[in-house]
Amino acid sequence: MSFGQNENRQKKMNEDFTSEQKAILKTKQMTLELDLTAAQQKQMLSLNKKWAEEKTSQKAAMKSLNKEEMTSTEKFNHMNAMLDSKIARQNEVKKILTEDQYTHWKKTSKKMQHRSKGKKPQQNRQQRGSQK
């Protein structure tokens, strides 16, 4: 089984979880990755629950939108709101984590964004190297 198939299977499995279950799993992953204290775990769990619920409602709203029929202003407003939300999340996380934890979280978040877009930083480097 390839990595991509495993990732798709995990995504499907995650769709079966409630927002609260997703938040708990995310918090535990962060605890393992960042060595969170009990207080940090509690704060991150609260944030992760909030974000999981927001993501669920945003997903439902996105399904009802016809992106092809959106005006450029509507698209801009939608993207602007998404970026504002990401900035707010980042600022909330920054208040909870230590400087080292935050730096590590940022690096990990960037890797995850690349994966979710189907881009793997390692592959891109390899492709560039073989084109020379």
C-alpha atoms as a PDB file:
ATOM      1  CA  MET A   1       0.000   0.000   0.000  1.00  0.00           C
ATOM      2  CA  SER A   2       1.393   3.401  -0.914  1.00  0.00           C
ATOM      3  CA  PHE A   3       1.578   6.394   1.401  1.00  0.00           C
ATOM      4  CA  GLY A   4      -1.205   8.186  -0.504  1.00  0.00           C
ATOM      5  CA  GLN A   5      -3.620   5.287  -0.101  1.00  0.00           C
ATOM      6  CA  ASN A   6      -2.912   5.127   3.619  1.00  0.00           C
ATOM      7  CA  GLU A   7      -3.501   8.887   3.906  1.00  0.00           C
ATOM      8  CA  ASN A   8      -6.845   8.608   2.058  1.00  0.00           C
ATOM      9  CA  ARG A   9      -7.956   5.750   4.290  1.00  0.00           C
ATOM     10  CA  GLN A  10      -7.091   7.797   7.371  1.00  0.00           C
ATOM     11  CA  LYS A  11      -9.043  10.795   5.997  1.00  0.00           C
ATOM     12  CA  LYS A  12     -12.097   8.596   5.465  1.00  0.00           C
ATOM     13  CA  MET A  13     -11.798   7.220   8.970  1.00  0.00           C
ATOM     14  CA  ASN A  14     -11.535  10.759  10.402  1.00  0.00           C
ATOM     15  CA  GLU A  15     -14.809  11.712   8.682  1.00  0.00           C
ATOM     16  CA  ASP A  16     -16.575   9.247  10.976  1.00  0.00           C
ATOM     17  CA  PHE A  17     -15.387  11.054  14.112  1.00  0.00           C
ATOM     18  CA  THR A  18     -17.315  13.771  15.900  1.00  0.00           C
ATOM     19  CA  SER A  19     -15.770  17.221  16.278  1.00  0.00           C
ATOM     20  CA  GLU A  20     -14.969  16.426  19.901  1.00  0.00           C
ATOM     21  CA  GLN A  21     -13.251  13.150  18.984  1.00  0.00           C
ATOM     22  CA  LYS A  22     -11.182  14.901  16.324  1.00  0.00           C
ATOM     23  CA  ALA A  23     -10.182  17.560  18.872  1.00  0.00           C
ATOM     24  CA  ILE A  24      -9.124  14.944  21.421  1.00  0.00           C
ATOM     25  CA  LEU A  25      -6.993  13.093  18.864  1.00  0.00           C
ATOM     26  CA  LYS A  26      -5.433  16.325  17.599  1.00  0.00           C
ATOM     27  CA  THR A  27      -4.580  17.398  21.148  1.00  0.00           C
ATOM     28  CA  LYS A  28      -2.982  14.039  21.916  1.00  0.00           C
ATOM     29  CA  GLN A  29      -0.926  14.253  18.715  1.00  0.00           C
ATOM     30  CA  MET A  30       0.221  17.724  19.735  1.00  0.00           C
ATOM     31  CA  THR A  31       1.038  16.470  23.238  1.00  0.00           C
ATOM     32  CA  LEU A  32       3.270  13.763  21.803  1.00  0.00           C
ATOM     33  CA  GLU A  33       4.857  16.080  19.249  1.00  0.00           C
ATOM     34  CA  LEU A  34       5.356  19.140  21.483  1.00  0.00           C
ATOM     35  CA  ASP A  35       5.505  17.617  24.974  1.00  0.00           C
ATOM     36  CA  LEU A  36       2.615  19.753  26.237  1.00  0.00           C
ATOM     37  CA  THR A  37       2.073  20.274  29.944  1.00  0.00           C
ATOM     38  CA  ALA A  38      -1.279  19.335  31.506  1.00  0.00           C
ATOM     39  CA  ALA A  39      -2.335  22.994  31.486  1.00  0.00           C
ATOM     40  CA  GLN A  40      -1.342  23.374  27.818  1.00  0.00           C
ATOM     41  CA  GLN A  41      -3.238  20.190  26.944  1.00  0.00           C
ATOM     42  CA  LYS A  42      -6.378  21.557  28.549  1.00  0.00           C
ATOM     43  CA  GLN A  43      -6.095  24.874  26.701  1.00  0.00           C
ATOM     44  CA  MET A  44      -5.289  23.230  23.360  1.00  0.00           C
ATOM     45  CA  LEU A  45      -8.165  20.771  23.748  1.00  0.00           C
ATOM     46  CA  SER A  46     -10.529  23.686  24.208  1.00  0.00           C
ATOM     47  CA  LEU A  47      -9.169  25.408  21.093  1.00  0.00           C
ATOM     48  CA  ASN A  48      -9.120  22.206  19.050  1.00  0.00           C
ATOM     49  CA  LYS A  49     -12.779  21.539  19.929  1.00  0.00           C
ATOM     50  CA  LYS A  50     -13.717  25.039  18.832  1.00  0.00           C
ATOM     51  CA  TRP A  51     -11.752  24.711  15.588  1.00  0.00           C
ATOM     52  CA  ALA A  52     -13.117  21.249  14.791  1.00  0.00           C
ATOM     53  CA  GLU A  53     -16.670  22.544  15.164  1.00  0.00           C
ATOM     54  CA  GLU A  54     -15.882  25.564  12.988  1.00  0.00           C
ATOM     55  CA  LYS A  55     -14.302  23.329  10.353  1.00  0.00           C
ATOM     56  CA  THR A  56     -17.364  21.080  10.282  1.00  0.00           C
ATOM     57  CA  SER A  57     -19.707  24.019   9.777  1.00  0.00           C
ATOM     58  CA  GLN A  58     -17.396  25.590   7.175  1.00  0.00           C
ATOM     59  CA  LYS A  59     -17.257  22.314   5.279  1.00  0.00           C
ATOM     60  CA  ALA A  60     -21.059  22.209   5.124  1.00  0.00           C
ATOM     61  CA  ALA A  61     -21.176  25.822   3.959  1.00  0.00           C
ATOM     62  CA  MET A  62     -18.573  25.152   1.272  1.00  0.00           C
ATOM     63  CA  LYS A  63     -20.610  22.262  -0.133  1.00  0.00           C
ATOM     64  CA  SER A  64     -23.558  24.583  -0.661  1.00  0.00           C
ATOM     65  CA  LEU A  65     -21.441  27.184  -2.489  1.00  0.00           C
ATOM     66  CA  ASN A  66     -21.014  27.077  -6.231  1.00  0.00           C
ATOM     67  CA  LYS A  67     -17.491  28.453  -6.573  1.00  0.00           C
ATOM     68  CA  GLU A  68     -17.869  28.930 -10.311  1.00  0.00           C
ATOM     69  CA  GLU A  69     -20.794  31.296  -9.798  1.00  0.00           C
ATOM     70  CA  MET A  70     -19.107  33.371  -7.102  1.00  0.00           C
ATOM     71  CA  THR A  71     -18.093  36.899  -8.029  1.00  0.00           C
ATOM     72  CA  SER A  72     -14.486  37.945  -7.545  1.00  0.00           C
ATOM     73  CA  THR A  73     -15.580  40.044  -4.559  1.00  0.00           C
ATOM     74  CA  GLU A  74     -17.287  37.045  -2.953  1.00  0.00           C
ATOM     75  CA  LYS A  75     -14.204  34.899  -3.565  1.00  0.00           C
ATOM     76  CA  PHE A  76     -11.987  37.614  -2.085  1.00  0.00           C
ATOM     77  CA  ASN A  77     -14.216  37.972   0.990  1.00  0.00           C
ATOM     78  CA  HIS A  78     -14.245  34.210   1.496  1.00  0.00           C
ATOM     79  CA  MET A  79     -10.461  33.895   1.197  1.00  0.00           C
ATOM     80  CA  ASN A  80      -9.929  36.968   3.383  1.00  0.00           C
ATOM     81  CA  ALA A  81     -12.143  35.488   6.111  1.00  0.00           C
ATOM     82  CA  MET A  82     -10.251  32.178   5.926  1.00  0.00           C
ATOM     83  CA  LEU A  83      -6.897  33.926   6.299  1.00  0.00           C
ATOM     84  CA  ASP A  84      -8.192  36.058   9.194  1.00  0.00           C
ATOM     85  CA  SER A  85      -9.283  32.842  10.890  1.00  0.00           C
ATOM     86  CA  LYS A  86      -5.851  31.257  10.378  1.00  0.00           C
ATOM     87  CA  ILE A  87      -4.114  34.338  11.802  1.00  0.00           C
ATOM     88  CA  ALA A  88      -6.408  34.291  14.848  1.00  0.00           C
ATOM     89  CA  ARG A  89      -5.698  30.582  15.401  1.00  0.00           C
ATOM     90  CA  GLN A  90      -1.975  31.161  15.122  1.00  0.00           C
ATOM     91  CA  ASN A  91      -2.129  33.967  17.674  1.00  0.00           C
ATOM     92  CA  GLU A  92      -4.152  31.820  20.087  1.00  0.00           C
ATOM     93  CA  VAL A  93      -1.652  28.959  19.815  1.00  0.00           C
ATOM     94  CA  LYS A  94       1.240  31.385  20.305  1.00  0.00           C
ATOM     95  CA  LYS A  95      -0.232  32.432  23.671  1.00  0.00           C
ATOM     96  CA  ILE A  96      -0.332  28.816  24.895  1.00  0.00           C
ATOM     97  CA  LEU A  97       2.939  27.323  23.655  1.00  0.00           C
ATOM     98  CA  THR A  98       6.484  28.148  24.679  1.00  0.00           C
ATOM     99  CA  GLU A  99       8.694  29.757  22.042  1.00  0.00           C
ATOM    100  CA  ASP A 100      10.382  26.436  21.180  1.00  0.00           C
ATOM    101  CA  GLN A 101       7.080  24.582  21.023  1.00  0.00           C
ATOM    102  CA  TYR A 102       5.587  27.289  18.830  1.00  0.00           C
ATOM    103  CA  THR A 103       8.535  27.146  16.414  1.00  0.00           C
ATOM    104  CA  HIS A 104       8.193  23.372  16.165  1.00  0.00           C
ATOM    105  CA  TRP A 105       4.412  23.650  15.717  1.00  0.00           C
ATOM    106  CA  LYS A 106       4.865  26.155  12.874  1.00  0.00           C
ATOM    107  CA  LYS A 107       7.291  23.841  11.068  1.00  0.00           C
ATOM    108  CA  THR A 108       4.956  20.882  11.500  1.00  0.00           C
ATOM    109  CA  SER A 109       1.948  22.923  10.366  1.00  0.00           C
ATOM    110  CA  LYS A 110       3.711  23.939   7.161  1.00  0.00           C
ATOM    111  CA  LYS A 111       4.547  20.306   6.378  1.00  0.00           C
ATOM    112  CA  MET A 112       0.929  19.314   6.932  1.00  0.00           C
ATOM    113  CA  GLN A 113      -0.314  22.090   4.646  1.00  0.00           C
ATOM    114  CA  HIS A 114       1.949  20.865   1.874  1.00  0.00           C
ATOM    115  CA  ARG A 115       0.687  17.306   2.324  1.00  0.00           C
ATOM    116  CA  SER A 116      -2.938  18.355   2.300  1.00  0.00           C
ATOM    117  CA  LYS A 117      -2.397  20.132  -1.001  1.00  0.00           C
ATOM    118  CA  GLY A 118      -0.774  17.055  -2.486  1.00  0.00           C
ATOM    119  CA  LYS A 119       2.666  18.628  -2.430  1.00  0.00           C
ATOM    120  CA  LYS A 120       5.478  16.993  -0.564  1.00  0.00           C
ATOM    121  CA  PRO A 121       8.494  19.242  -0.013  1.00  0.00           C
ATOM    122  CA  GLN A 122      10.918  16.321  -0.435  1.00  0.00           C
ATOM    123  CA  GLN A 123       9.437  15.357  -3.801  1.00  0.00           C
ATOM    124  CA  ASN A 124       9.657  18.913  -5.082  1.00  0.00           C
ATOM    125  CA  ARG A 125      13.354  19.061  -4.188  1.00  0.00           C
ATOM    126  CA  GLN A 126      13.987  15.731  -5.908  1.00  0.00           C
ATOM    127  CA  GLN A 127      12.161  16.845  -9.034  1.00  0.00           C
ATOM    128  CA  ARG A 128      14.158  20.070  -9.196  1.00  0.00           C
ATOM    129  CA  GLY A 129      17.379  18.138  -8.739  1.00  0.00           C
ATOM    130  CA  SER A 130      16.581  15.733 -11.591  1.00  0.00           C
ATOM    131  CA  GLN A 131      15.716  18.605 -13.969  1.00  0.00           C
ATOM    132  CA  LYS A 132      19.212  20.094 -13.734  1.00  0.00           C
END
